[in-house]
Amino acid sequence: MNDDETVLQSLEPMLRTLARRAARRAQLPNLTDDLIQSARVAAWEALGRYDGRDGARLETFVWATVEAQLKDAVREERSGCVHVDRNAMRTYGQMLRLAEGDLYLAERLCQSAPEAGRRLSADRAEAARLAWMGAKSLDAPVSPSGATLGETLPAPERALRRTLGPPQR
């Protein structure tokens, strides 16, 4: 075992704690194992970048790096995509806490509450809300039998007929 592997082994309890905390805060307990893996990768990469010249202890440097990576991983999981406006998502998350979980109030707050330069346009605020809510794939299984979300939705013409009534002659 080389020095980096020994150091990583000693950091393992911290990595597990950070990952479990991130999963709990995000209310995504099924993500814990994935976040532990992300934490390990982030720690490994941090070891390669750490030089100690700025005076930070190794554990502090790794902790900050892993914490940032876990926040990004949770945001990506919530949004369902990797290409997300991270600044908008960060602002939206802050406003969501102010709005006590009200998704639509948070969207409105994004446009007025942050300091100038951090406010979101109406379009960016809406995009952040939609990304936070996450996209659901029509191919995602929704039952033990394997039925997909797309299969459980009514056909568009049936749904439209129910809304508008039978065609007029």
N, C-alpha and C. Protein backbone atom coordinates (compact mmCIF):
# COMPACT_ATOMS: atom_id res chain seq x y z
N MET A 1 0.84 -1.18 0.00
CA MET A 1 0.00 0.00 0.00
C MET A 1 0.90 1.25 0.00
N ASN A 2 0.59 2.19 -0.92
CA ASN A 2 1.43 3.40 -0.97
C ASN A 2 0.91 4.45 0.01
N ASP A 3 1.63 5.57 0.10
CA ASP A 3 1.28 6.62 1.07
C ASP A 3 -0.11 7.20 0.83
N ASP A 4 -0.47 7.45 -0.44
CA ASP A 4 -1.79 8.02 -0.74
C ASP A 4 -2.91 7.08 -0.30
N GLU A 5 -2.73 5.79 -0.53
CA GLU A 5 -3.75 4.82 -0.12
C GLU A 5 -3.88 4.78 1.40
N THR A 6 -2.78 4.90 2.10
CA THR A 6 -2.82 4.93 3.56
C THR A 6 -3.55 6.17 4.06
N VAL A 7 -3.26 7.31 3.43
CA VAL A 7 -3.92 8.56 3.80
C VAL A 7 -5.42 8.45 3.53
N LEU A 8 -5.78 7.93 2.36
CA LEU A 8 -7.20 7.78 2.03
C LEU A 8 -7.91 6.87 3.03
N GLN A 9 -7.24 5.83 3.42
CA GLN A 9 -7.82 4.92 4.40
C GLN A 9 -8.07 5.65 5.73
N SER A 10 -7.16 6.51 6.13
CA SER A 10 -7.35 7.25 7.37
C SER A 10 -8.46 8.30 7.25
N LEU A 11 -8.74 8.76 6.02
CA LEU A 11 -9.78 9.76 5.80
C LEU A 11 -11.16 9.13 5.61
N GLU A 12 -11.23 7.83 5.46
CA GLU A 12 -12.49 7.14 5.16
C GLU A 12 -13.64 7.50 6.11
N PRO A 13 -13.42 7.52 7.44
CA PRO A 13 -14.55 7.89 8.31
C PRO A 13 -15.09 9.29 8.01
N MET A 14 -14.20 10.24 7.74
CA MET A 14 -14.63 11.59 7.41
C MET A 14 -15.42 11.59 6.11
N LEU A 15 -14.96 10.86 5.09
CA LEU A 15 -15.63 10.81 3.80
C LEU A 15 -17.03 10.23 3.94
N ARG A 16 -17.16 9.17 4.72
CA ARG A 16 -18.47 8.54 4.95
C ARG A 16 -19.42 9.51 5.67
N THR A 17 -18.90 10.20 6.65
CA THR A 17 -19.72 11.15 7.40
C THR A 17 -20.22 12.27 6.50
N LEU A 18 -19.32 12.83 5.70
CA LEU A 18 -19.72 13.91 4.79
C LEU A 18 -20.76 13.43 3.79
N ALA A 19 -20.58 12.24 3.24
CA ALA A 19 -21.53 11.70 2.25
C ALA A 19 -22.90 11.42 2.88
N ARG A 20 -22.90 10.82 4.06
CA ARG A 20 -24.19 10.55 4.74
C ARG A 20 -24.90 11.86 5.06
N ARG A 21 -24.15 12.86 5.52
CA ARG A 21 -24.74 14.16 5.84
C ARG A 21 -25.33 14.81 4.58
N ALA A 22 -24.62 14.74 3.48
CA ALA A 22 -25.12 15.33 2.23
C ALA A 22 -26.40 14.62 1.78
N ALA A 23 -26.44 13.31 1.86
CA ALA A 23 -27.63 12.56 1.46
C ALA A 23 -28.81 12.89 2.38
N ARG A 24 -28.55 13.02 3.67
CA ARG A 24 -29.60 13.34 4.63
C ARG A 24 -30.14 14.75 4.39
N ARG A 25 -29.24 15.72 4.19
CA ARG A 25 -29.66 17.11 3.93
C ARG A 25 -30.49 17.20 2.66
N ALA A 26 -30.11 16.44 1.65
CA ALA A 26 -30.81 16.48 0.36
C ALA A 26 -32.07 15.63 0.38
N GLN A 27 -32.29 14.90 1.47
CA GLN A 27 -33.41 13.97 1.59
C GLN A 27 -33.39 12.94 0.47
N LEU A 28 -32.19 12.44 0.19
CA LEU A 28 -31.97 11.42 -0.83
C LEU A 28 -31.17 10.26 -0.23
N PRO A 29 -31.74 9.52 0.72
CA PRO A 29 -30.96 8.48 1.40
C PRO A 29 -30.46 7.38 0.47
N ASN A 30 -31.18 7.14 -0.63
CA ASN A 30 -30.73 6.11 -1.58
C ASN A 30 -29.47 6.52 -2.34
N LEU A 31 -29.06 7.75 -2.17
CA LEU A 31 -27.88 8.27 -2.87
C LEU A 31 -26.60 8.12 -2.03
N THR A 32 -26.72 7.65 -0.80
CA THR A 32 -25.58 7.61 0.13
C THR A 32 -24.38 6.87 -0.45
N ASP A 33 -24.58 5.67 -0.98
CA ASP A 33 -23.44 4.90 -1.51
C ASP A 33 -22.76 5.62 -2.68
N ASP A 34 -23.56 6.22 -3.55
CA ASP A 34 -22.98 6.97 -4.67
C ASP A 34 -22.19 8.17 -4.17
N LEU A 35 -22.71 8.84 -3.14
CA LEU A 35 -22.01 10.00 -2.60
C LEU A 35 -20.72 9.60 -1.90
N ILE A 36 -20.70 8.43 -1.26
CA ILE A 36 -19.46 7.95 -0.65
C ILE A 36 -18.41 7.75 -1.73
N GLN A 37 -18.82 7.17 -2.86
CA GLN A 37 -17.88 6.98 -3.97
C GLN A 37 -17.39 8.33 -4.51
N SER A 38 -18.32 9.28 -4.68
CA SER A 38 -17.92 10.62 -5.14
C SER A 38 -16.94 11.26 -4.17
N ALA A 39 -17.17 11.07 -2.87
CA ALA A 39 -16.28 11.62 -1.85
C ALA A 39 -14.88 11.01 -1.96
N ARG A 40 -14.83 9.71 -2.20
CA ARG A 40 -13.52 9.04 -2.34
C ARG A 40 -12.76 9.57 -3.55
N VAL A 41 -13.47 9.72 -4.66
CA VAL A 41 -12.82 10.24 -5.88
C VAL A 41 -12.33 11.66 -5.65
N ALA A 42 -13.18 12.49 -5.04
CA ALA A 42 -12.79 13.89 -4.76
C ALA A 42 -11.58 13.94 -3.83
N ALA A 43 -11.55 13.06 -2.83
CA ALA A 43 -10.41 13.02 -1.90
C ALA A 43 -9.14 12.60 -2.63
N TRP A 44 -9.26 11.60 -3.48
CA TRP A 44 -8.10 11.13 -4.24
C TRP A 44 -7.54 12.27 -5.11
N GLU A 45 -8.44 12.99 -5.79
CA GLU A 45 -8.01 14.11 -6.63
C GLU A 45 -7.41 15.23 -5.77
N ALA A 46 -7.98 15.46 -4.61
CA ALA A 46 -7.47 16.50 -3.71
C ALA A 46 -6.05 16.18 -3.26
N LEU A 47 -5.78 14.90 -3.01
CA LEU A 47 -4.42 14.51 -2.60
C LEU A 47 -3.40 14.89 -3.68
N GLY A 48 -3.79 14.75 -4.93
CA GLY A 48 -2.89 15.09 -6.03
C GLY A 48 -2.64 16.58 -6.15
N ARG A 49 -3.58 17.40 -5.66
CA ARG A 49 -3.43 18.85 -5.76
C ARG A 49 -2.86 19.49 -4.50
N TYR A 50 -2.88 18.79 -3.41
CA TYR A 50 -2.45 19.37 -2.13
C TYR A 50 -0.93 19.53 -2.11
N ASP A 51 -0.49 20.75 -1.78
CA ASP A 51 0.96 20.95 -1.65
C ASP A 51 1.33 21.55 -0.28
N GLY A 52 0.34 21.97 0.49
CA GLY A 52 0.59 22.46 1.84
C GLY A 52 1.19 23.85 1.91
N ARG A 53 1.41 24.50 0.77
CA ARG A 53 2.06 25.81 0.77
C ARG A 53 1.18 26.92 1.34
N ASP A 54 -0.13 26.75 1.24
CA ASP A 54 -1.01 27.83 1.74
C ASP A 54 -1.27 27.72 3.24
N GLY A 55 -0.72 26.72 3.87
CA GLY A 55 -0.85 26.58 5.32
C GLY A 55 -2.03 25.74 5.77
N ALA A 56 -2.90 25.36 4.85
CA ALA A 56 -4.05 24.54 5.23
C ALA A 56 -3.60 23.12 5.53
N ARG A 57 -4.20 22.54 6.56
CA ARG A 57 -3.92 21.14 6.86
C ARG A 57 -4.52 20.27 5.77
N LEU A 58 -3.95 19.11 5.55
CA LEU A 58 -4.44 18.20 4.53
C LEU A 58 -5.92 17.88 4.76
N GLU A 59 -6.29 17.57 5.98
CA GLU A 59 -7.68 17.21 6.27
C GLU A 59 -8.64 18.35 5.94
N THR A 60 -8.23 19.57 6.23
CA THR A 60 -9.07 20.74 5.93
C THR A 60 -9.23 20.90 4.43
N PHE A 61 -8.14 20.75 3.69
CA PHE A 61 -8.18 20.87 2.23
C PHE A 61 -9.07 19.79 1.63
N VAL A 62 -8.92 18.56 2.08
CA VAL A 62 -9.73 17.45 1.56
C VAL A 62 -11.19 17.66 1.92
N TRP A 63 -11.45 18.07 3.17
CA TRP A 63 -12.82 18.29 3.61
C TRP A 63 -13.51 19.31 2.71
N ALA A 64 -12.88 20.45 2.45
CA ALA A 64 -13.47 21.50 1.62
C ALA A 64 -13.70 21.01 0.19
N THR A 65 -12.74 20.28 -0.36
CA THR A 65 -12.86 19.75 -1.71
C THR A 65 -14.01 18.75 -1.81
N VAL A 66 -14.08 17.84 -0.86
CA VAL A 66 -15.12 16.80 -0.87
C VAL A 66 -16.49 17.44 -0.67
N GLU A 67 -16.60 18.37 0.26
CA GLU A 67 -17.87 19.04 0.52
C GLU A 67 -18.39 19.71 -0.76
N ALA A 68 -17.53 20.41 -1.48
CA ALA A 68 -17.94 21.07 -2.73
C ALA A 68 -18.37 20.04 -3.77
N GLN A 69 -17.64 18.94 -3.88
CA GLN A 69 -17.99 17.90 -4.85
C GLN A 69 -19.33 17.27 -4.50
N LEU A 70 -19.59 17.04 -3.24
CA LEU A 70 -20.86 16.43 -2.82
C LEU A 70 -22.04 17.36 -3.11
N LYS A 71 -21.85 18.66 -2.89
CA LYS A 71 -22.91 19.62 -3.21
C LYS A 71 -23.22 19.58 -4.70
N ASP A 72 -22.17 19.54 -5.52
CA ASP A 72 -22.37 19.45 -6.96
C ASP A 72 -23.08 18.15 -7.35
N ALA A 73 -22.70 17.05 -6.73
CA ALA A 73 -23.32 15.75 -7.04
C ALA A 73 -24.80 15.76 -6.68
N VAL A 74 -25.15 16.36 -5.55
CA VAL A 74 -26.56 16.43 -5.16
C VAL A 74 -27.33 17.31 -6.13
N ARG A 75 -26.76 18.45 -6.51
CA ARG A 75 -27.43 19.33 -7.49
C ARG A 75 -27.66 18.60 -8.80
N GLU A 76 -26.66 17.88 -9.26
CA GLU A 76 -26.80 17.15 -10.52
C GLU A 76 -27.85 16.06 -10.40
N GLU A 77 -27.91 15.39 -9.28
CA GLU A 77 -28.92 14.35 -9.06
C GLU A 77 -30.31 14.96 -9.06
N ARG A 78 -30.46 16.09 -8.38
CA ARG A 78 -31.77 16.75 -8.33
C ARG A 78 -32.22 17.22 -9.71
N SER A 79 -31.29 17.77 -10.47
CA SER A 79 -31.66 18.36 -11.76
C SER A 79 -31.79 17.31 -12.85
N GLY A 80 -31.19 16.15 -12.63
CA GLY A 80 -31.27 15.10 -13.65
C GLY A 80 -30.32 15.32 -14.81
N CYS A 81 -29.48 16.30 -14.70
CA CYS A 81 -28.53 16.54 -15.79
C CYS A 81 -27.25 17.14 -15.23
N VAL A 82 -26.21 17.03 -16.03
CA VAL A 82 -24.92 17.54 -15.60
C VAL A 82 -24.76 19.00 -16.01
N HIS A 83 -25.37 19.41 -17.11
CA HIS A 83 -25.19 20.76 -17.64
C HIS A 83 -26.22 21.69 -17.03
N VAL A 84 -25.99 22.07 -15.80
CA VAL A 84 -26.93 22.91 -15.09
C VAL A 84 -26.22 24.22 -14.72
N ASP A 85 -26.97 25.28 -14.68
CA ASP A 85 -26.44 26.59 -14.29
C ASP A 85 -26.21 26.56 -12.78
N ARG A 86 -24.98 26.27 -12.38
CA ARG A 86 -24.68 26.06 -10.96
C ARG A 86 -24.92 27.31 -10.12
N ASN A 87 -24.64 28.48 -10.68
CA ASN A 87 -24.88 29.71 -9.92
C ASN A 87 -26.38 29.91 -9.68
N ALA A 88 -27.18 29.65 -10.71
CA ALA A 88 -28.63 29.78 -10.56
C ALA A 88 -29.15 28.75 -9.56
N MET A 89 -28.63 27.53 -9.61
CA MET A 89 -29.08 26.49 -8.68
C MET A 89 -28.68 26.84 -7.24
N ARG A 90 -27.51 27.42 -7.07
CA ARG A 90 -27.06 27.81 -5.73
C ARG A 90 -27.98 28.91 -5.19
N THR A 91 -28.27 29.90 -6.02
CA THR A 91 -29.17 30.98 -5.61
C THR A 91 -30.56 30.43 -5.31
N TYR A 92 -31.04 29.55 -6.18
CA TYR A 92 -32.37 28.97 -5.97
C TYR A 92 -32.41 28.18 -4.65
N GLY A 93 -31.38 27.41 -4.36
CA GLY A 93 -31.33 26.65 -3.11
C GLY A 93 -31.39 27.56 -1.89
N GLN A 94 -30.69 28.69 -1.96
CA GLN A 94 -30.71 29.65 -0.85
C GLN A 94 -32.11 30.24 -0.68
N MET A 95 -32.75 30.58 -1.80
CA MET A 95 -34.09 31.17 -1.73
C MET A 95 -35.12 30.13 -1.29
N LEU A 96 -34.88 28.87 -1.63
CA LEU A 96 -35.78 27.80 -1.20
C LEU A 96 -35.78 27.67 0.32
N ARG A 97 -34.60 27.84 0.91
CA ARG A 97 -34.53 27.82 2.38
C ARG A 97 -35.30 29.01 2.97
N LEU A 98 -35.15 30.19 2.35
CA LEU A 98 -35.90 31.37 2.82
C LEU A 98 -37.40 31.17 2.66
N ALA A 99 -37.78 30.48 1.59
CA ALA A 99 -39.20 30.24 1.30
C ALA A 99 -39.74 29.03 2.05
N GLU A 100 -38.92 28.45 2.92
CA GLU A 100 -39.31 27.30 3.74
C GLU A 100 -39.87 26.16 2.89
N GLY A 101 -39.21 25.92 1.75
CA GLY A 101 -39.58 24.78 0.92
C GLY A 101 -40.60 25.06 -0.15
N ASP A 102 -41.16 26.25 -0.23
CA ASP A 102 -42.15 26.58 -1.26
C ASP A 102 -41.41 26.85 -2.57
N LEU A 103 -41.54 25.92 -3.51
CA LEU A 103 -40.79 25.98 -4.76
C LEU A 103 -41.09 27.23 -5.58
N TYR A 104 -42.36 27.62 -5.63
CA TYR A 104 -42.75 28.74 -6.47
C TYR A 104 -42.40 30.08 -5.81
N LEU A 105 -42.51 30.15 -4.50
CA LEU A 105 -42.09 31.36 -3.79
C LEU A 105 -40.58 31.54 -3.95
N ALA A 106 -39.83 30.45 -3.88
CA ALA A 106 -38.38 30.54 -4.07
C ALA A 106 -38.05 31.08 -5.46
N GLU A 107 -38.81 30.65 -6.45
CA GLU A 107 -38.60 31.15 -7.82
C GLU A 107 -38.79 32.66 -7.87
N ARG A 108 -39.84 33.16 -7.22
CA ARG A 108 -40.08 34.61 -7.21
C ARG A 108 -39.00 35.34 -6.41
N LEU A 109 -38.58 34.76 -5.28
CA LEU A 109 -37.55 35.39 -4.46
C LEU A 109 -36.23 35.51 -5.21
N CYS A 110 -35.92 34.56 -6.08
CA CYS A 110 -34.67 34.60 -6.85
C CYS A 110 -34.55 35.88 -7.68
N GLN A 111 -35.70 36.46 -8.00
CA GLN A 111 -35.71 37.64 -8.86
C GLN A 111 -35.59 38.95 -8.08
N SER A 112 -35.73 38.88 -6.73
CA SER A 112 -35.70 40.14 -5.98
C SER A 112 -34.85 40.10 -4.71
N ALA A 113 -34.78 38.98 -4.04
CA ALA A 113 -34.13 38.94 -2.73
C ALA A 113 -32.60 38.98 -2.75
N PRO A 114 -31.93 38.27 -3.66
CA PRO A 114 -30.46 38.31 -3.62
C PRO A 114 -29.93 39.71 -3.93
N GLU A 115 -28.69 39.94 -3.51
CA GLU A 115 -28.08 41.24 -3.82
C GLU A 115 -27.92 41.39 -5.33
N ALA A 116 -27.83 42.64 -5.76
CA ALA A 116 -27.68 42.94 -7.18
C ALA A 116 -26.50 42.15 -7.74
N GLY A 117 -26.66 41.62 -8.92
CA GLY A 117 -25.61 40.81 -9.53
C GLY A 117 -25.82 39.33 -9.31
N ARG A 118 -26.61 38.97 -8.30
CA ARG A 118 -26.91 37.57 -8.02
C ARG A 118 -28.36 37.24 -8.32
N ARG A 119 -29.17 38.27 -8.59
CA ARG A 119 -30.58 38.04 -8.90
C ARG A 119 -30.71 37.30 -10.23
N LEU A 120 -31.75 36.50 -10.32
CA LEU A 120 -31.99 35.74 -11.54
C LEU A 120 -33.11 36.39 -12.34
N SER A 121 -33.00 36.28 -13.66
CA SER A 121 -34.10 36.72 -14.51
C SER A 121 -35.26 35.75 -14.30
N ALA A 122 -36.43 36.12 -14.75
CA ALA A 122 -37.59 35.24 -14.61
C ALA A 122 -37.33 33.90 -15.29
N ASP A 123 -36.71 33.93 -16.47
CA ASP A 123 -36.42 32.68 -17.20
C ASP A 123 -35.43 31.81 -16.45
N ARG A 124 -34.36 32.41 -15.93
CA ARG A 124 -33.36 31.62 -15.18
C ARG A 124 -33.95 31.08 -13.89
N ALA A 125 -34.78 31.87 -13.23
CA ALA A 125 -35.42 31.41 -11.98
C ALA A 125 -36.34 30.23 -12.26
N GLU A 126 -37.11 30.32 -13.34
CA GLU A 126 -37.99 29.20 -13.70
C GLU A 126 -37.17 27.97 -14.07
N ALA A 127 -36.11 28.15 -14.83
CA ALA A 127 -35.24 27.03 -15.20
C ALA A 127 -34.62 26.39 -13.97
N ALA A 128 -34.23 27.21 -13.00
CA ALA A 128 -33.65 26.68 -11.76
C ALA A 128 -34.69 25.87 -10.99
N ARG A 129 -35.93 26.37 -10.94
CA ARG A 129 -36.99 25.62 -10.25
C ARG A 129 -37.24 24.29 -10.93
N LEU A 130 -37.34 24.31 -12.25
CA LEU A 130 -37.59 23.07 -12.98
C LEU A 130 -36.44 22.09 -12.81
N ALA A 131 -35.21 22.60 -12.83
CA ALA A 131 -34.05 21.72 -12.63
C ALA A 131 -34.04 21.16 -11.21
N TRP A 132 -34.40 21.98 -10.23
CA TRP A 132 -34.44 21.52 -8.84
C TRP A 132 -35.47 20.41 -8.68
N MET A 133 -36.61 20.57 -9.35
CA MET A 133 -37.67 19.57 -9.26
C MET A 133 -37.25 18.27 -9.94
N GLY A 134 -36.38 18.39 -10.94
CA GLY A 134 -35.88 17.20 -11.61
C GLY A 134 -36.81 16.73 -12.71
N ALA A 135 -36.21 16.26 -13.77
CA ALA A 135 -36.97 15.70 -14.89
C ALA A 135 -37.19 14.22 -14.64
N LYS A 136 -38.32 13.73 -15.04
CA LYS A 136 -38.63 12.32 -14.90
C LYS A 136 -38.69 11.71 -16.30
N SER A 137 -37.96 10.64 -16.48
CA SER A 137 -37.93 9.96 -17.77
C SER A 137 -39.21 9.18 -17.97
N LEU A 138 -39.76 9.24 -19.18
CA LEU A 138 -40.95 8.45 -19.49
C LEU A 138 -40.63 6.95 -19.52
N ASP A 139 -39.34 6.62 -19.59
CA ASP A 139 -38.92 5.22 -19.59
C ASP A 139 -38.63 4.70 -18.19
N ALA A 140 -38.80 5.54 -17.18
CA ALA A 140 -38.50 5.12 -15.80
C ALA A 140 -39.56 4.15 -15.31
N PRO A 141 -39.15 3.01 -14.75
CA PRO A 141 -40.14 2.07 -14.21
C PRO A 141 -40.83 2.67 -12.98
N VAL A 142 -42.16 2.46 -12.91
CA VAL A 142 -42.92 3.00 -11.79
C VAL A 142 -43.66 1.93 -11.00
N SER A 143 -43.49 0.67 -11.40
CA SER A 143 -44.16 -0.40 -10.66
C SER A 143 -43.26 -1.63 -10.66
N PRO A 144 -43.51 -2.54 -9.71
CA PRO A 144 -42.70 -3.76 -9.65
C PRO A 144 -42.78 -4.61 -10.92
N SER A 145 -43.90 -4.47 -11.65
CA SER A 145 -44.05 -5.25 -12.89
C SER A 145 -43.20 -4.71 -14.02
N GLY A 146 -42.63 -3.51 -13.83
CA GLY A 146 -41.77 -2.92 -14.85
C GLY A 146 -42.47 -1.93 -15.74
N ALA A 147 -43.74 -1.63 -15.45
CA ALA A 147 -44.46 -0.63 -16.25
C ALA A 147 -43.74 0.70 -16.14
N THR A 148 -43.65 1.40 -17.26
CA THR A 148 -42.95 2.68 -17.27
C THR A 148 -43.91 3.84 -17.07
N LEU A 149 -43.36 4.98 -16.74
CA LEU A 149 -44.17 6.18 -16.55
C LEU A 149 -44.94 6.50 -17.83
N GLY A 150 -44.31 6.37 -18.97
CA GLY A 150 -44.95 6.64 -20.25
C GLY A 150 -46.15 5.73 -20.50
N GLU A 151 -46.06 4.50 -20.04
CA GLU A 151 -47.16 3.55 -20.24
C GLU A 151 -48.35 3.85 -19.33
N THR A 152 -48.11 4.53 -18.22
CA THR A 152 -49.19 4.82 -17.28
C THR A 152 -49.93 6.11 -17.60
N LEU A 153 -49.37 6.93 -18.48
CA LEU A 153 -50.02 8.19 -18.84
C LEU A 153 -51.05 7.94 -19.92
N PRO A 154 -52.17 8.68 -19.90
CA PRO A 154 -53.16 8.50 -20.96
C PRO A 154 -52.60 9.00 -22.29
N ALA A 155 -53.10 8.43 -23.37
CA ALA A 155 -52.70 8.90 -24.69
C ALA A 155 -53.11 10.36 -24.82
N PRO A 156 -52.32 11.18 -25.48
CA PRO A 156 -52.61 12.62 -25.54
C PRO A 156 -54.01 12.94 -26.04
N GLU A 157 -54.50 12.21 -27.06
CA GLU A 157 -55.83 12.53 -27.59
C GLU A 157 -56.93 12.19 -26.59
N ARG A 158 -56.75 11.13 -25.78
CA ARG A 158 -57.75 10.79 -24.75
C ARG A 158 -57.76 11.85 -23.65
N ALA A 159 -56.57 12.31 -23.26
CA ALA A 159 -56.49 13.33 -22.22
C ALA A 159 -57.12 14.63 -22.70
N LEU A 160 -56.89 14.99 -23.94
CA LEU A 160 -57.46 16.21 -24.51
C LEU A 160 -58.98 16.09 -24.60
N ARG A 161 -59.49 14.92 -25.00
CA ARG A 161 -60.93 14.69 -25.10
C ARG A 161 -61.58 14.83 -23.72
N ARG A 162 -60.91 14.31 -22.69
CA ARG A 162 -61.47 14.42 -21.34
C ARG A 162 -61.53 15.88 -20.91
N THR A 163 -60.55 16.66 -21.31
CA THR A 163 -60.50 18.07 -20.92
C THR A 163 -61.52 18.91 -21.69
N LEU A 164 -61.59 18.69 -23.00
CA LEU A 164 -62.44 19.53 -23.84
C LEU A 164 -63.84 18.96 -24.09
N GLY A 165 -64.01 17.67 -23.85
CA GLY A 165 -65.30 17.03 -24.15
C GLY A 165 -65.28 16.46 -25.56
N PRO A 166 -66.38 15.82 -25.98
CA PRO A 166 -66.40 15.20 -27.31
C PRO A 166 -66.35 16.26 -28.40
N PRO A 167 -65.85 15.86 -29.58
CA PRO A 167 -65.75 16.82 -30.67
C PRO A 167 -67.14 17.35 -31.05
N GLN A 168 -67.20 18.62 -31.40
CA GLN A 168 -68.46 19.26 -31.82
C GLN A 168 -68.63 19.09 -33.32
N ARG A 169 -69.85 18.80 -33.74
CA ARG A 169 -70.12 18.61 -35.19
C ARG A 169 -70.92 19.76 -35.73
